[in-house]
């Protein structure tokens, strides 16, 4: 089993190779090297266990909130760049594309709870069904409090439903050595999108993560929604799984998004609610706002 210095060296090596901003990669390297030097002084041996893994991860989070570490058995053959395996279609169907709750109340208000974003090719039918049930609503709550992120194609579809503006540039994603990529809504939803005069409340919290944060951020910068709940963690980077040692896998940032309106993102700061309050009270507060209370 590797000692902790081997893990740190692997993270630094891959971060310098992948993180788009070289200065940010060097800040991360500096933090990790200082931690390594301090840890050497307090340890007679250099064991690598779950406690040390958590300490290294905490140091990484000062610069990259999305950089997480996981111990896995050594792989054969030894492959460094693991990538994201596709989610089987039957898994997406069993969880209905993360569409967890769809409701309409007697007063004409709607609610959609989305706990993640599966690939739109598999999840699209569930989302379109939820959108169809929102036709004619007077206002909508979109619950992202358990949304752990996922595919940008699906995020874009949901954004188009909420924005109701047709074709719109959401973000630009920049890589270290690859061309940048822009994400746009398509305008293809037509009357399935919400009318521009319908109020929308978005619920967020500590478990709103990654692309879940991205959706809330993009909607908030456009003034389309009012956000309720607690601040989100602030994980904006696009990451890829890398085996930094034979038994440790890290999610290393490989791209940085920039919102088309703000020119920035939510890395390290998270999405700040317009109306802050405890998680159990967020839905009730959003309903009161929709009702004009």
C-alpha atoms as a PDB file:
ATOM      1  CA  UNK A   1       0.000   0.000   0.000  1.00  0.00           C
ATOM      2  CA  UNK A   2       1.285   3.459  -0.875  1.00  0.00           C
ATOM      3  CA  UNK A   3       2.234   6.003   1.740  1.00  0.00           C
ATOM      4  CA  UNK A   4       0.478   9.357   1.731  1.00  0.00           C
ATOM      5  CA  UNK A   5       3.285  11.097  -0.151  1.00  0.00           C
ATOM      6  CA  UNK A   6       2.655   8.852  -3.170  1.00  0.00           C
ATOM      7  CA  UNK A   7      -1.002   9.867  -3.171  1.00  0.00           C
ATOM      8  CA  UNK A   8      -0.120  13.563  -2.968  1.00  0.00           C
ATOM      9  CA  UNK A   9       2.402  13.244  -5.781  1.00  0.00           C
ATOM     10  CA  UNK A  10      -0.214  11.576  -7.981  1.00  0.00           C
ATOM     11  CA  UNK A  11      -2.793  14.304  -7.351  1.00  0.00           C
ATOM     12  CA  UNK A  12      -0.261  17.057  -8.045  1.00  0.00           C
ATOM     13  CA  UNK A  13       0.966  15.411 -11.241  1.00  0.00           C
ATOM     14  CA  UNK A  14      -2.511  14.979 -12.711  1.00  0.00           C
ATOM     15  CA  UNK A  15      -3.763  18.366 -11.522  1.00  0.00           C
ATOM     16  CA  UNK A  16      -0.887  20.106 -13.275  1.00  0.00           C
ATOM     17  CA  UNK A  17      -1.752  18.154 -16.397  1.00  0.00           C
ATOM     18  CA  UNK A  18      -5.531  18.732 -16.409  1.00  0.00           C
ATOM     19  CA  UNK A  19      -6.646  21.836 -14.458  1.00  0.00           C
ATOM     20  CA  UNK A  20      -7.263  24.583 -17.059  1.00  0.00           C
ATOM     21  CA  UNK A  21      -5.761  27.399 -14.958  1.00  0.00           C
ATOM     22  CA  UNK A  22      -2.034  26.663 -14.356  1.00  0.00           C
ATOM     23  CA  UNK A  23      -1.892  29.141 -11.450  1.00  0.00           C
ATOM     24  CA  UNK A  24      -4.747  27.368  -9.722  1.00  0.00           C
ATOM     25  CA  UNK A  25      -3.014  24.024 -10.248  1.00  0.00           C
ATOM     26  CA  UNK A  26       0.095  25.447  -8.600  1.00  0.00           C
ATOM     27  CA  UNK A  27      -1.929  26.753  -5.640  1.00  0.00           C
ATOM     28  CA  UNK A  28      -3.267  23.247  -5.147  1.00  0.00           C
ATOM     29  CA  UNK A  29       0.233  21.784  -5.447  1.00  0.00           C
ATOM     30  CA  UNK A  30       1.569  24.283  -2.898  1.00  0.00           C
ATOM     31  CA  UNK A  31      -1.176  23.467  -0.398  1.00  0.00           C
ATOM     32  CA  UNK A  32      -0.564  19.734  -0.769  1.00  0.00           C
ATOM     33  CA  UNK A  33       3.212  20.042  -0.483  1.00  0.00           C
ATOM     34  CA  UNK A  34       2.921  22.140   2.673  1.00  0.00           C
ATOM     35  CA  UNK A  35       0.537  19.568   4.121  1.00  0.00           C
ATOM     36  CA  UNK A  36       2.980  16.785   3.194  1.00  0.00           C
ATOM     37  CA  UNK A  37       5.870  18.546   4.908  1.00  0.00           C
ATOM     38  CA  UNK A  38       3.816  19.162   8.054  1.00  0.00           C
ATOM     39  CA  UNK A  39       2.533  15.570   8.142  1.00  0.00           C
ATOM     40  CA  UNK A  40       6.046  14.160   7.854  1.00  0.00           C
ATOM     41  CA  UNK A  41       6.988  16.006  11.063  1.00  0.00           C
ATOM     42  CA  UNK A  42       4.131  14.543  13.099  1.00  0.00           C
ATOM     43  CA  UNK A  43       4.246  10.968  11.812  1.00  0.00           C
ATOM     44  CA  UNK A  44       6.962   8.470  12.646  1.00  0.00           C
ATOM     45  CA  UNK A  45       5.648   6.310   9.824  1.00  0.00           C
ATOM     46  CA  UNK A  46       3.701   7.415   6.791  1.00  0.00           C
ATOM     47  CA  UNK A  47       0.616   5.202   6.711  1.00  0.00           C
ATOM     48  CA  UNK A  48      -2.157   5.675   4.248  1.00  0.00           C
ATOM     49  CA  UNK A  49      -5.573   5.073   5.777  1.00  0.00           C
ATOM     50  CA  UNK A  50      -9.064   6.542   5.546  1.00  0.00           C
ATOM     51  CA  UNK A  51      -8.252   9.315   8.043  1.00  0.00           C
ATOM     52  CA  UNK A  52      -5.254  10.479   6.034  1.00  0.00           C
ATOM     53  CA  UNK A  53      -7.327  10.286   2.857  1.00  0.00           C
ATOM     54  CA  UNK A  54      -9.887  12.630   4.390  1.00  0.00           C
ATOM     55  CA  UNK A  55      -7.157  15.051   5.459  1.00  0.00           C
ATOM     56  CA  UNK A  56      -5.717  15.172   1.942  1.00  0.00           C
ATOM     57  CA  UNK A  57      -9.189  15.717   0.500  1.00  0.00           C
ATOM     58  CA  UNK A  58      -9.824  18.605   2.897  1.00  0.00           C
ATOM     59  CA  UNK A  59      -6.624  20.275   1.722  1.00  0.00           C
ATOM     60  CA  UNK A  60      -7.710  19.842  -1.911  1.00  0.00           C
ATOM     61  CA  UNK A  61     -11.058  21.467  -1.176  1.00  0.00           C
ATOM     62  CA  UNK A  62      -9.378  24.791  -0.425  1.00  0.00           C
ATOM     63  CA  UNK A  63      -8.773  25.083  -4.169  1.00  0.00           C
ATOM     64  CA  UNK A  64     -11.084  22.531  -5.809  1.00  0.00           C
ATOM     65  CA  UNK A  65     -14.318  21.569  -4.040  1.00  0.00           C
ATOM     66  CA  UNK A  66     -15.047  18.815  -6.547  1.00  0.00           C
ATOM     67  CA  UNK A  67     -11.723  17.018  -6.027  1.00  0.00           C
ATOM     68  CA  UNK A  68     -12.600  13.921  -4.015  1.00  0.00           C
ATOM     69  CA  UNK A  69     -10.664  10.746  -3.238  1.00  0.00           C
ATOM     70  CA  UNK A  70     -11.692   7.105  -2.990  1.00  0.00           C
ATOM     71  CA  UNK A  71      -9.832   3.914  -2.207  1.00  0.00           C
ATOM     72  CA  UNK A  72     -10.397   1.122  -4.715  1.00  0.00           C
ATOM     73  CA  UNK A  73      -8.775  -2.267  -5.265  1.00  0.00           C
ATOM     74  CA  UNK A  74      -5.845  -2.291  -7.662  1.00  0.00           C
ATOM     75  CA  UNK A  75      -7.056  -2.711 -11.242  1.00  0.00           C
ATOM     76  CA  UNK A  76      -5.867  -5.085 -13.928  1.00  0.00           C
ATOM     77  CA  UNK A  77      -4.912  -3.936 -16.437  1.00  0.00           C
ATOM     78  CA  UNK A  78      -3.506  -0.816 -14.823  1.00  0.00           C
ATOM     79  CA  UNK A  79      -5.384   2.113 -16.410  1.00  0.00           C
ATOM     80  CA  UNK A  80      -4.898   5.660 -15.131  1.00  0.00           C
ATOM     81  CA  UNK A  81      -7.668   7.521 -16.967  1.00  0.00           C
ATOM     82  CA  UNK A  82     -10.778   5.660 -15.858  1.00  0.00           C
ATOM     83  CA  UNK A  83     -13.491   7.915 -17.320  1.00  0.00           C
ATOM     84  CA  UNK A  84     -17.213   7.749 -16.592  1.00  0.00           C
ATOM     85  CA  UNK A  85     -18.891   4.425 -17.408  1.00  0.00           C
ATOM     86  CA  UNK A  86     -22.304   4.709 -19.079  1.00  0.00           C
ATOM     87  CA  UNK A  87     -25.333   4.173 -16.848  1.00  0.00           C
ATOM     88  CA  UNK A  88     -27.379   1.191 -18.115  1.00  0.00           C
ATOM     89  CA  UNK A  89     -30.765   2.157 -19.517  1.00  0.00           C
ATOM     90  CA  UNK A  90     -32.565  -0.200 -17.150  1.00  0.00           C
ATOM     91  CA  UNK A  91     -30.997   1.599 -14.172  1.00  0.00           C
ATOM     92  CA  UNK A  92     -32.239   4.942 -15.522  1.00  0.00           C
ATOM     93  CA  UNK A  93     -35.710   3.468 -15.973  1.00  0.00           C
ATOM     94  CA  UNK A  94     -35.829   2.031 -12.480  1.00  0.00           C
ATOM     95  CA  UNK A  95     -35.153   5.475 -11.028  1.00  0.00           C
ATOM     96  CA  UNK A  96     -37.237   7.278 -13.694  1.00  0.00           C
ATOM     97  CA  UNK A  97     -34.344   9.495 -14.718  1.00  0.00           C
ATOM     98  CA  UNK A  98     -34.089  10.923 -11.187  1.00  0.00           C
ATOM     99  CA  UNK A  99     -37.597  12.436 -11.463  1.00  0.00           C
ATOM    100  CA  UNK A 100     -38.619  11.755  -7.887  1.00  0.00           C
ATOM    101  CA  UNK A 101     -41.772  13.800  -7.355  1.00  0.00           C
ATOM    102  CA  UNK A 102     -44.268  15.557  -9.635  1.00  0.00           C
ATOM    103  CA  UNK A 103     -47.336  17.242  -8.129  1.00  0.00           C
ATOM    104  CA  UNK A 104     -50.075  19.727  -8.941  1.00  0.00           C
ATOM    105  CA  UNK A 105     -52.089  21.290  -6.176  1.00  0.00           C
ATOM    106  CA  UNK A 106     -55.718  22.374  -6.294  1.00  0.00           C
ATOM    107  CA  UNK A 107     -54.652  26.026  -6.407  1.00  0.00           C
ATOM    108  CA  UNK A 108     -52.787  25.507  -9.687  1.00  0.00           C
ATOM    109  CA  UNK A 109     -49.250  25.294  -8.316  1.00  0.00           C
ATOM    110  CA  UNK A 110     -46.784  22.626  -9.426  1.00  0.00           C
ATOM    111  CA  UNK A 111     -43.734  20.895  -7.968  1.00  0.00           C
ATOM    112  CA  UNK A 112     -40.962  18.858  -9.587  1.00  0.00           C
ATOM    113  CA  UNK A 113     -38.235  17.183  -7.553  1.00  0.00           C
ATOM    114  CA  UNK A 114     -35.098  16.181  -9.473  1.00  0.00           C
ATOM    115  CA  UNK A 115     -32.403  14.238  -7.625  1.00  0.00           C
ATOM    116  CA  UNK A 116     -29.871  14.134 -10.475  1.00  0.00           C
ATOM    117  CA  UNK A 117     -29.396  14.298 -14.239  1.00  0.00           C
ATOM    118  CA  UNK A 118     -29.166  11.035 -16.163  1.00  0.00           C
ATOM    119  CA  UNK A 119     -28.262  11.196 -19.848  1.00  0.00           C
ATOM    120  CA  UNK A 120     -31.045  12.909 -21.758  1.00  0.00           C
ATOM    121  CA  UNK A 121     -31.285  10.050 -24.254  1.00  0.00           C
ATOM    122  CA  UNK A 122     -32.566   7.800 -21.462  1.00  0.00           C
ATOM    123  CA  UNK A 123     -34.074  10.297 -19.029  1.00  0.00           C
ATOM    124  CA  UNK A 124     -35.736  12.646 -21.502  1.00  0.00           C
ATOM    125  CA  UNK A 125     -39.062  10.807 -21.609  1.00  0.00           C
ATOM    126  CA  UNK A 126     -39.514  11.148 -17.848  1.00  0.00           C
ATOM    127  CA  UNK A 127     -38.654  14.833 -17.877  1.00  0.00           C
ATOM    128  CA  UNK A 128     -40.964  15.564 -20.796  1.00  0.00           C
ATOM    129  CA  UNK A 129     -43.767  13.792 -18.940  1.00  0.00           C
ATOM    130  CA  UNK A 130     -43.140  15.953 -15.875  1.00  0.00           C
ATOM    131  CA  UNK A 131     -43.086  19.103 -18.028  1.00  0.00           C
ATOM    132  CA  UNK A 132     -46.390  18.131 -19.656  1.00  0.00           C
ATOM    133  CA  UNK A 133     -48.030  17.813 -16.233  1.00  0.00           C
ATOM    134  CA  UNK A 134     -46.988  21.406 -15.512  1.00  0.00           C
ATOM    135  CA  UNK A 135     -49.013  22.852 -18.416  1.00  0.00           C
ATOM    136  CA  UNK A 136     -51.243  25.646 -17.170  1.00  0.00           C
ATOM    137  CA  UNK A 137     -49.718  25.935 -13.687  1.00  0.00           C
ATOM    138  CA  UNK A 138     -49.677  29.312 -12.000  1.00  0.00           C
ATOM    139  CA  UNK A 139     -46.240  28.747 -10.481  1.00  0.00           C
ATOM    140  CA  UNK A 140     -43.685  25.977  -9.968  1.00  0.00           C
ATOM    141  CA  UNK A 141     -41.309  24.758  -7.266  1.00  0.00           C
ATOM    142  CA  UNK A 142     -38.214  22.929  -8.540  1.00  0.00           C
ATOM    143  CA  UNK A 143     -36.693  20.924  -5.696  1.00  0.00           C
ATOM    144  CA  UNK A 144     -32.931  20.419  -6.144  1.00  0.00           C
ATOM    145  CA  UNK A 145     -32.086  19.812  -2.483  1.00  0.00           C
ATOM    146  CA  UNK A 146     -30.981  16.219  -3.188  1.00  0.00           C
ATOM    147  CA  UNK A 147     -29.633  16.794  -6.685  1.00  0.00           C
ATOM    148  CA  UNK A 148     -26.118  15.397  -6.881  1.00  0.00           C
ATOM    149  CA  UNK A 149     -25.503  16.509 -10.471  1.00  0.00           C
ATOM    150  CA  UNK A 150     -24.957  14.601 -13.690  1.00  0.00           C
ATOM    151  CA  UNK A 151     -25.244  15.186 -17.418  1.00  0.00           C
ATOM    152  CA  UNK A 152     -25.182  18.724 -18.852  1.00  0.00           C
ATOM    153  CA  UNK A 153     -27.452  17.698 -21.725  1.00  0.00           C
ATOM    154  CA  UNK A 154     -30.224  17.035 -19.218  1.00  0.00           C
ATOM    155  CA  UNK A 155     -29.460  20.148 -17.179  1.00  0.00           C
ATOM    156  CA  UNK A 156     -29.868  22.153 -20.399  1.00  0.00           C
ATOM    157  CA  UNK A 157     -33.257  20.572 -21.107  1.00  0.00           C
ATOM    158  CA  UNK A 158     -34.519  21.439 -17.622  1.00  0.00           C
ATOM    159  CA  UNK A 159     -33.154  24.982 -17.935  1.00  0.00           C
ATOM    160  CA  UNK A 160     -35.042  25.410 -21.211  1.00  0.00           C
ATOM    161  CA  UNK A 161     -38.271  24.277 -19.547  1.00  0.00           C
ATOM    162  CA  UNK A 162     -37.869  26.800 -16.722  1.00  0.00           C
ATOM    163  CA  UNK A 163     -36.503  29.750 -18.711  1.00  0.00           C
ATOM    164  CA  UNK A 164     -39.109  29.570 -21.453  1.00  0.00           C
ATOM    165  CA  UNK A 165     -36.955  31.789 -23.670  1.00  0.00           C
ATOM    166  CA  UNK A 166     -36.201  29.424 -26.536  1.00  0.00           C
ATOM    167  CA  UNK A 167     -32.582  29.418 -27.725  1.00  0.00           C
ATOM    168  CA  UNK A 168     -30.224  30.791 -25.077  1.00  0.00           C
ATOM    169  CA  UNK A 169     -26.521  30.487 -24.292  1.00  0.00           C
ATOM    170  CA  UNK A 170     -26.119  29.011 -20.804  1.00  0.00           C
ATOM    171  CA  UNK A 171     -22.389  28.504 -20.334  1.00  0.00           C
ATOM    172  CA  UNK A 172     -18.949  28.102 -21.850  1.00  0.00           C
ATOM    173  CA  UNK A 173     -16.737  25.275 -20.605  1.00  0.00           C
ATOM    174  CA  UNK A 174     -12.976  25.733 -20.935  1.00  0.00           C
ATOM    175  CA  UNK A 175     -10.371  22.957 -20.959  1.00  0.00           C
ATOM    176  CA  UNK A 176      -6.568  22.948 -20.640  1.00  0.00           C
ATOM    177  CA  UNK A 177      -5.654  21.534 -24.048  1.00  0.00           C
ATOM    178  CA  UNK A 178      -9.001  21.068 -25.821  1.00  0.00           C
ATOM    179  CA  UNK A 179     -11.348  23.535 -27.564  1.00  0.00           C
ATOM    180  CA  UNK A 180     -13.926  25.216 -25.337  1.00  0.00           C
ATOM    181  CA  UNK A 181     -17.516  23.979 -25.482  1.00  0.00           C
ATOM    182  CA  UNK A 182     -20.649  26.094 -25.306  1.00  0.00           C
ATOM    183  CA  UNK A 183     -23.977  24.903 -23.922  1.00  0.00           C
ATOM    184  CA  UNK A 184     -27.206  26.328 -25.380  1.00  0.00           C
ATOM    185  CA  UNK A 185     -30.885  25.625 -25.009  1.00  0.00           C
ATOM    186  CA  UNK A 186     -32.515  24.584 -28.280  1.00  0.00           C
ATOM    187  CA  UNK A 187     -35.943  26.168 -28.383  1.00  0.00           C
ATOM    188  CA  UNK A 188     -37.370  22.757 -29.292  1.00  0.00           C
ATOM    189  CA  UNK A 189     -39.627  22.440 -26.232  1.00  0.00           C
ATOM    190  CA  UNK A 190     -42.093  24.995 -27.573  1.00  0.00           C
ATOM    191  CA  UNK A 191     -45.200  25.255 -25.415  1.00  0.00           C
ATOM    192  CA  UNK A 192     -43.842  22.662 -22.987  1.00  0.00           C
ATOM    193  CA  UNK A 193     -41.667  25.454 -21.573  1.00  0.00           C
ATOM    194  CA  UNK A 194     -43.092  27.602 -18.814  1.00  0.00           C
ATOM    195  CA  UNK A 195     -44.533  30.974 -19.839  1.00  0.00           C
ATOM    196  CA  UNK A 196     -42.242  33.837 -18.847  1.00  0.00           C
ATOM    197  CA  UNK A 197     -44.812  35.290 -16.423  1.00  0.00           C
ATOM    198  CA  UNK A 198     -45.030  32.176 -14.226  1.00  0.00           C
ATOM    199  CA  UNK A 199     -43.053  32.481 -10.976  1.00  0.00           C
ATOM    200  CA  UNK A 200     -40.523  29.735 -10.237  1.00  0.00           C
ATOM    201  CA  UNK A 201     -39.006  28.847  -6.863  1.00  0.00           C
ATOM    202  CA  UNK A 202     -35.880  26.671  -6.660  1.00  0.00           C
ATOM    203  CA  UNK A 203     -34.952  24.774  -3.483  1.00  0.00           C
ATOM    204  CA  UNK A 204     -31.254  24.155  -2.730  1.00  0.00           C
ATOM    205  CA  UNK A 205     -29.057  23.046   0.141  1.00  0.00           C
ATOM    206  CA  UNK A 206     -25.839  21.287   1.185  1.00  0.00           C
ATOM    207  CA  UNK A 207     -26.724  18.211  -0.907  1.00  0.00           C
ATOM    208  CA  UNK A 208     -27.247  20.249  -4.083  1.00  0.00           C
ATOM    209  CA  UNK A 209     -24.011  19.493  -5.872  1.00  0.00           C
ATOM    210  CA  UNK A 210     -22.126  19.946  -9.143  1.00  0.00           C
ATOM    211  CA  UNK A 211     -24.615  20.161 -12.045  1.00  0.00           C
ATOM    212  CA  UNK A 212     -27.419  20.569  -9.526  1.00  0.00           C
ATOM    213  CA  UNK A 213     -25.690  23.760  -8.404  1.00  0.00           C
ATOM    214  CA  UNK A 214     -25.115  24.724 -12.028  1.00  0.00           C
ATOM    215  CA  UNK A 215     -28.823  24.693 -12.842  1.00  0.00           C
ATOM    216  CA  UNK A 216     -29.680  26.867  -9.836  1.00  0.00           C
ATOM    217  CA  UNK A 217     -26.821  29.254 -10.631  1.00  0.00           C
ATOM    218  CA  UNK A 218     -27.713  29.679 -14.324  1.00  0.00           C
ATOM    219  CA  UNK A 219     -31.355  30.345 -13.464  1.00  0.00           C
ATOM    220  CA  UNK A 220     -30.505  32.752 -10.653  1.00  0.00           C
ATOM    221  CA  UNK A 221     -28.131  34.882 -12.749  1.00  0.00           C
ATOM    222  CA  UNK A 222     -30.940  35.424 -15.257  1.00  0.00           C
ATOM    223  CA  UNK A 223     -33.370  36.580 -12.603  1.00  0.00           C
ATOM    224  CA  UNK A 224     -35.791  33.819 -13.594  1.00  0.00           C
ATOM    225  CA  UNK A 225     -36.159  32.209 -10.171  1.00  0.00           C
ATOM    226  CA  UNK A 226     -36.174  32.892  -6.471  1.00  0.00           C
ATOM    227  CA  UNK A 227     -33.882  30.487  -4.609  1.00  0.00           C
ATOM    228  CA  UNK A 228     -34.830  29.127  -1.171  1.00  0.00           C
ATOM    229  CA  UNK A 229     -32.931  27.017   1.359  1.00  0.00           C
ATOM    230  CA  UNK A 230     -29.288  26.842   2.393  1.00  0.00           C
ATOM    231  CA  UNK A 231     -26.046  27.558   0.483  1.00  0.00           C
ATOM    232  CA  UNK A 232     -24.668  24.829  -1.770  1.00  0.00           C
ATOM    233  CA  UNK A 233     -21.122  23.363  -1.481  1.00  0.00           C
ATOM    234  CA  UNK A 234     -19.566  25.226  -4.434  1.00  0.00           C
ATOM    235  CA  UNK A 235     -18.344  22.435  -6.740  1.00  0.00           C
ATOM    236  CA  UNK A 236     -18.258  23.980 -10.210  1.00  0.00           C
ATOM    237  CA  UNK A 237     -15.433  22.139 -11.975  1.00  0.00           C
ATOM    238  CA  UNK A 238     -16.007  19.383 -14.478  1.00  0.00           C
ATOM    239  CA  UNK A 239     -14.055  16.397 -13.203  1.00  0.00           C
ATOM    240  CA  UNK A 240     -12.829  13.053 -14.505  1.00  0.00           C
ATOM    241  CA  UNK A 241     -11.910   9.925 -12.499  1.00  0.00           C
ATOM    242  CA  UNK A 242      -8.149   9.318 -12.458  1.00  0.00           C
ATOM    243  CA  UNK A 243      -6.267   6.498 -10.737  1.00  0.00           C
ATOM    244  CA  UNK A 244      -3.582   8.622  -9.081  1.00  0.00           C
ATOM    245  CA  UNK A 245      -2.011   5.538  -7.472  1.00  0.00           C
ATOM    246  CA  UNK A 246      -2.705   1.833  -7.816  1.00  0.00           C
ATOM    247  CA  UNK A 247      -5.370   1.961  -5.070  1.00  0.00           C
ATOM    248  CA  UNK A 248      -6.628   5.571  -5.011  1.00  0.00           C
ATOM    249  CA  UNK A 249      -8.985   7.218  -7.500  1.00  0.00           C
ATOM    250  CA  UNK A 250      -9.349  11.009  -7.549  1.00  0.00           C
ATOM    251  CA  UNK A 251     -11.864  13.198  -9.324  1.00  0.00           C
ATOM    252  CA  UNK A 252      -9.502  15.670 -10.970  1.00  0.00           C
ATOM    253  CA  UNK A 253     -10.837  18.944 -12.448  1.00  0.00           C
ATOM    254  CA  UNK A 254     -10.460  18.937 -16.227  1.00  0.00           C
ATOM    255  CA  UNK A 255     -12.659  21.894 -17.208  1.00  0.00           C
ATOM    256  CA  UNK A 256     -14.058  25.129 -15.786  1.00  0.00           C
ATOM    257  CA  UNK A 257     -17.534  26.482 -16.644  1.00  0.00           C
ATOM    258  CA  UNK A 258     -18.389  30.155 -17.029  1.00  0.00           C
ATOM    259  CA  UNK A 259     -21.997  31.304 -16.917  1.00  0.00           C
ATOM    260  CA  UNK A 260     -22.886  33.277 -20.057  1.00  0.00           C
ATOM    261  CA  UNK A 261     -24.475  36.092 -18.018  1.00  0.00           C
ATOM    262  CA  UNK A 262     -22.133  36.490 -15.049  1.00  0.00           C
ATOM    263  CA  UNK A 263     -18.957  35.332 -16.774  1.00  0.00           C
ATOM    264  CA  UNK A 264     -18.124  33.446 -13.584  1.00  0.00           C
ATOM    265  CA  UNK A 265     -19.260  30.380 -11.656  1.00  0.00           C
ATOM    266  CA  UNK A 266     -20.038  29.081  -8.172  1.00  0.00           C
ATOM    267  CA  UNK A 267     -16.697  27.379  -7.405  1.00  0.00           C
ATOM    268  CA  UNK A 268     -15.880  27.695  -3.720  1.00  0.00           C
ATOM    269  CA  UNK A 269     -18.800  30.027  -2.991  1.00  0.00           C
ATOM    270  CA  UNK A 270     -21.815  27.912  -3.873  1.00  0.00           C
ATOM    271  CA  UNK A 271     -25.256  29.193  -4.784  1.00  0.00           C
ATOM    272  CA  UNK A 272     -26.525  31.666  -2.189  1.00  0.00           C
ATOM    273  CA  UNK A 273     -30.298  31.508  -1.608  1.00  0.00           C
ATOM    274  CA  UNK A 274     -32.349  34.657  -2.152  1.00  0.00           C
ATOM    275  CA  UNK A 275     -34.329  33.629   0.909  1.00  0.00           C
ATOM    276  CA  UNK A 276     -32.210  31.630   3.333  1.00  0.00           C
ATOM    277  CA  UNK A 277     -33.675  29.251   5.863  1.00  0.00           C
ATOM    278  CA  UNK A 278     -33.448  25.724   7.273  1.00  0.00           C
ATOM    279  CA  UNK A 279     -33.983  22.854   4.831  1.00  0.00           C
ATOM    280  CA  UNK A 280     -37.277  21.629   6.363  1.00  0.00           C
ATOM    281  CA  UNK A 281     -38.776  25.111   5.935  1.00  0.00           C
ATOM    282  CA  UNK A 282     -37.689  25.767   2.342  1.00  0.00           C
ATOM    283  CA  UNK A 283     -40.679  24.234   0.565  1.00  0.00           C
ATOM    284  CA  UNK A 284     -43.151  25.958   2.881  1.00  0.00           C
ATOM    285  CA  UNK A 285     -41.420  29.320   2.333  1.00  0.00           C
ATOM    286  CA  UNK A 286     -41.433  28.799  -1.437  1.00  0.00           C
ATOM    287  CA  UNK A 287     -45.161  28.001  -1.426  1.00  0.00           C
ATOM    288  CA  UNK A 288     -45.879  31.134   0.591  1.00  0.00           C
ATOM    289  CA  UNK A 289     -43.926  33.217  -1.929  1.00  0.00           C
ATOM    290  CA  UNK A 290     -45.766  31.668  -4.874  1.00  0.00           C
ATOM    291  CA  UNK A 291     -49.048  32.386  -3.132  1.00  0.00           C
ATOM    292  CA  UNK A 292     -48.008  36.007  -2.712  1.00  0.00           C
ATOM    293  CA  UNK A 293     -47.494  35.717   1.023  1.00  0.00           C
END
